[in-house]
């Protein structure tokens, strides 16, 4: 009875039609990808994939620790990752990803002072 009635609006996303749904999904994926790429570039995200200790000082809260490391004997012989990350490939990047997530969360939503974590 109501199946073919033009007065009843279709439920869900059907009102967009097939192409409208493709456009909506493409816009969401594009916006997410663009925002992620911008954030990764702004935060110098690829520098964290290296073994360069300057990456540890991307965050202004680490400036004092980085300056002390540069002036110490450690600065001549060891990088930050030599002591603060596992040496095997998977463990090292898992550690970097985990620490990066929690540090960025703490800076974005400052429930705990980062000074307390250091």
Foldseek 3Di string as FASTA:
>chain_A
DCPPPPVDDDDDPPVCPDVNVVVVVVVVVVVVVVVVVVVCVVLVVVVLVDQAQVNVPSDVVCPVVVVVCCPDPNVVPHHPCVPPFDDDDVRRVVSSVVVVVVVVVCVVPVPDDVVVVD
